[in-house]
Amino acid sequence: MDEAGLIAAARLGDEDAFAELYRQHVGYVRTVGRTILHTSDLDDLCQDTFLLAFTRLNSFEESCSFRSWITRIAMNQCFATLRRRRQGKNGDALLLHVDEEKAANDLFARCVFACEDVRLEGVPARLDLTRVLEVLTPGQRKVLTMAYLEDIPCLEIAEILGTTVCSVRSTLHHAKRRVRNKYENG
């Protein structure tokens, strides 16, 4: 059965048809996940991606390919995972248990309070980055984020987004020019 037939059958509740779609595309979803998340433990990502795809199969538009559609779902799942990781790291409290005898020592107190919070050092840079990204179109923001913040090569970005390497490079060029023009002209 061809892909369109599998999708039609899966929409009618045929679990075997959806299992075949899964089999055909799970390797690609793993590649997307590995590229964005930089991990090899991708079972949860694949399960969440295909579960979401199965529950939203009626929203699939046949004018695009199933691979493009499932890639978008996988990317959104990856970005949600990255957000959860970042929130977990930012929300962790660093508690320091201090012995009362040591706390009485003036030198110890100066050392403890002179330490810098490494997590807070990059806050102004992240705030500026957010403002910089606001001047871009959503497409430019996506490509720039993938290329520079997630370190994904242009070839892989093109594969993930279903476009050409030339298009990715052009988008990067225009995005950088747009940012430069915005901040050179004030």
Protein backbone atom coordinates (compact mmCIF):
# COMPACT_ATOMS: atom_id res chain seq x y z
CA MET A 1 0.00 0.00 0.00
CA ASP A 2 1.33 3.46 -0.83
CA GLU A 3 1.70 6.24 1.74
CA ALA A 4 -1.60 7.95 0.82
CA GLY A 5 -3.40 4.63 1.28
CA LEU A 6 -1.71 4.04 4.62
CA ILE A 7 -2.72 7.50 5.82
CA ALA A 8 -6.32 7.00 4.68
CA ALA A 9 -6.47 3.61 6.42
CA ALA A 10 -4.88 5.00 9.60
CA ARG A 11 -7.45 7.81 9.65
CA LEU A 12 -10.15 5.15 9.69
CA GLY A 13 -8.51 3.54 12.72
CA ASP A 14 -6.40 0.86 11.03
CA GLU A 15 -3.63 0.31 13.58
CA ASP A 16 -1.62 -1.84 11.17
CA ALA A 17 -1.52 1.04 8.67
CA PHE A 18 -0.30 3.42 11.34
CA ALA A 19 2.26 0.84 12.49
CA GLU A 20 3.57 0.73 8.92
CA LEU A 21 3.82 4.54 8.83
CA TYR A 22 5.68 4.33 12.11
CA ARG A 23 8.07 1.71 10.75
CA GLN A 24 8.77 3.78 7.64
CA HIS A 25 9.45 7.03 9.51
CA VAL A 26 10.76 6.18 12.99
CA GLY A 27 14.39 6.16 11.84
CA TYR A 28 14.04 9.64 10.42
CA VAL A 29 12.32 10.93 13.58
CA ARG A 30 15.23 9.48 15.60
CA THR A 31 17.68 11.36 13.36
CA VAL A 32 15.79 14.62 13.89
CA GLY A 33 15.76 14.02 17.64
CA ARG A 34 19.44 13.08 17.79
CA THR A 35 20.34 16.19 15.80
CA ILE A 36 18.39 18.60 17.99
CA LEU A 37 18.67 16.96 21.41
CA HIS A 38 22.22 15.56 21.05
CA THR A 39 21.28 12.32 22.78
CA SER A 40 20.84 8.73 21.78
CA ASP A 41 17.97 8.01 24.23
CA LEU A 42 15.09 8.91 21.95
CA ASP A 43 12.43 6.31 22.78
CA ASP A 44 10.24 8.84 24.62
CA LEU A 45 10.58 11.39 21.82
CA CYS A 46 9.54 8.84 19.18
CA GLN A 47 6.64 7.62 21.29
CA ASP A 48 5.39 11.16 21.99
CA THR A 49 5.81 12.22 18.36
CA PHE A 50 3.90 9.30 16.90
CA LEU A 51 1.24 9.40 19.61
CA LEU A 52 0.63 13.05 18.82
CA ALA A 53 0.64 12.30 15.09
CA PHE A 54 -1.86 9.47 15.57
CA THR A 55 -4.22 11.65 17.61
CA ARG A 56 -3.97 14.50 15.10
CA LEU A 57 -3.94 12.50 11.89
CA ASN A 58 -7.15 14.19 10.75
CA SER A 59 -5.31 17.54 10.68
CA PHE A 60 -2.76 16.18 8.19
CA GLU A 61 -3.06 18.03 4.89
CA GLU A 62 -2.41 15.82 1.91
CA SER A 63 -0.81 18.70 0.03
CA CYS A 64 2.40 18.14 2.03
CA SER A 65 4.34 14.95 2.57
CA PHE A 66 3.84 12.83 5.67
CA ARG A 67 7.58 13.07 6.35
CA SER A 68 7.43 16.89 6.45
CA TRP A 69 4.44 16.75 8.76
CA ILE A 70 5.97 14.22 11.15
CA THR A 71 9.26 16.15 11.09
CA ARG A 72 7.47 19.29 12.26
CA ILE A 73 5.82 17.35 15.09
CA ALA A 74 9.16 15.81 16.06
CA MET A 75 10.87 19.20 16.03
CA ASN A 76 8.16 20.68 18.25
CA GLN A 77 8.56 17.75 20.65
CA CYS A 78 12.34 18.33 20.67
CA PHE A 79 11.91 22.04 21.37
CA ALA A 80 9.49 21.24 24.20
CA THR A 81 12.08 18.85 25.63
CA LEU A 82 14.78 21.53 25.40
CA ARG A 83 12.49 24.03 27.15
CA ARG A 84 11.80 21.54 29.94
CA ARG A 85 15.53 20.89 30.35
CA ARG A 86 16.28 24.60 30.47
CA GLN A 87 13.50 25.25 32.98
CA GLY A 88 14.75 22.40 35.13
CA LYS A 89 18.27 23.82 35.12
CA ASN A 90 17.13 27.38 35.78
CA GLY A 91 14.75 26.35 38.54
CA ASP A 92 17.13 24.24 40.59
CA ALA A 93 18.09 25.79 43.89
CA LEU A 94 21.71 25.60 44.93
CA LEU A 95 21.69 25.20 48.68
CA LEU A 96 24.88 25.44 50.66
CA HIS A 97 24.91 23.80 54.07
CA VAL A 98 27.28 25.71 56.30
CA ASP A 99 28.74 24.47 59.54
CA GLU A 100 28.15 27.10 62.25
CA GLU A 101 31.81 26.99 63.36
CA LYS A 102 32.98 27.71 59.81
CA ALA A 103 30.37 30.43 59.38
CA ALA A 104 31.84 32.25 62.36
CA ASN A 105 35.16 32.42 60.51
CA ASP A 106 35.27 35.79 58.70
CA LEU A 107 37.48 34.47 55.87
CA PHE A 108 34.97 31.69 55.14
CA ALA A 109 32.09 34.18 54.95
CA ARG A 110 34.02 36.40 52.47
CA CYS A 111 34.76 33.38 50.26
CA VAL A 112 31.17 32.13 50.25
CA PHE A 113 29.63 35.48 49.38
CA ALA A 114 32.31 36.44 46.87
CA CYS A 115 31.40 33.49 44.63
CA GLU A 116 29.53 34.22 41.42
CA ASP A 117 26.48 32.39 40.20
CA VAL A 118 27.58 30.94 36.87
CA ARG A 119 23.97 30.49 35.78
CA LEU A 120 23.26 34.19 36.10
CA GLU A 121 26.33 35.39 34.21
CA GLY A 122 24.71 34.89 30.81
CA VAL A 123 21.33 36.47 31.64
CA PRO A 124 22.00 39.84 29.94
CA ALA A 125 23.28 38.05 26.84
CA ARG A 126 20.16 35.85 26.71
CA LEU A 127 17.90 38.87 27.15
CA ASP A 128 19.67 40.64 24.31
CA LEU A 129 19.43 37.53 22.16
CA THR A 130 15.68 37.43 22.70
CA ARG A 131 15.40 41.03 21.56
CA VAL A 132 17.61 40.35 18.54
CA LEU A 133 15.52 37.37 17.47
CA GLU A 134 12.33 39.47 17.63
CA VAL A 135 13.37 41.45 14.54
CA LEU A 136 13.40 38.29 12.41
CA THR A 137 10.55 36.59 10.62
CA PRO A 138 9.50 33.26 12.14
CA GLY A 139 11.24 31.36 9.32
CA GLN A 140 14.47 33.31 9.74
CA ARG A 141 14.31 32.86 13.52
CA LYS A 142 13.85 29.10 13.14
CA VAL A 143 16.78 28.68 10.74
CA LEU A 144 19.07 31.01 12.72
CA THR A 145 18.24 29.20 15.97
CA MET A 146 18.87 25.80 14.45
CA ALA A 147 22.15 26.88 12.84
CA TYR A 148 23.74 28.91 15.60
CA LEU A 149 22.08 27.99 18.89
CA GLU A 150 21.58 24.28 18.24
CA ASP A 151 24.65 23.85 16.03
CA ILE A 152 22.83 21.97 13.28
CA PRO A 153 24.66 21.91 9.92
CA CYS A 154 22.93 23.55 6.93
CA LEU A 155 22.45 20.20 5.19
CA GLU A 156 20.55 18.77 8.14
CA ILE A 157 18.49 21.95 8.52
CA ALA A 158 17.51 21.65 4.87
CA GLU A 159 16.49 18.01 5.38
CA ILE A 160 14.50 18.79 8.54
CA LEU A 161 12.68 21.72 6.94
CA GLY A 162 12.25 20.02 3.58
CA THR A 163 14.13 22.69 1.63
CA THR A 164 17.49 23.13 -0.10
CA VAL A 165 20.86 23.96 1.40
CA CYS A 166 20.95 27.09 -0.77
CA SER A 167 17.64 28.22 0.70
CA VAL A 168 18.94 27.67 4.25
CA ARG A 169 22.12 29.64 3.52
CA SER A 170 20.12 32.42 1.89
CA THR A 171 17.79 32.60 4.88
CA LEU A 172 20.78 32.78 7.23
CA HIS A 173 22.32 35.55 5.13
CA HIS A 174 19.12 37.60 5.09
CA ALA A 175 18.53 37.05 8.80
CA LYS A 176 22.03 38.23 9.71
CA ARG A 177 21.68 41.22 7.39
CA ARG A 178 18.32 42.11 8.94
CA VAL A 179 19.78 42.02 12.45
CA ARG A 180 22.82 44.02 11.39
CA ASN A 181 20.67 46.68 9.68
CA LYS A 182 18.37 46.94 12.69
CA TYR A 183 21.17 47.53 15.16
CA GLU A 184 23.43 49.64 12.93
CA ASN A 185 20.57 52.03 12.18
CA GLY A 186 19.34 52.00 15.78
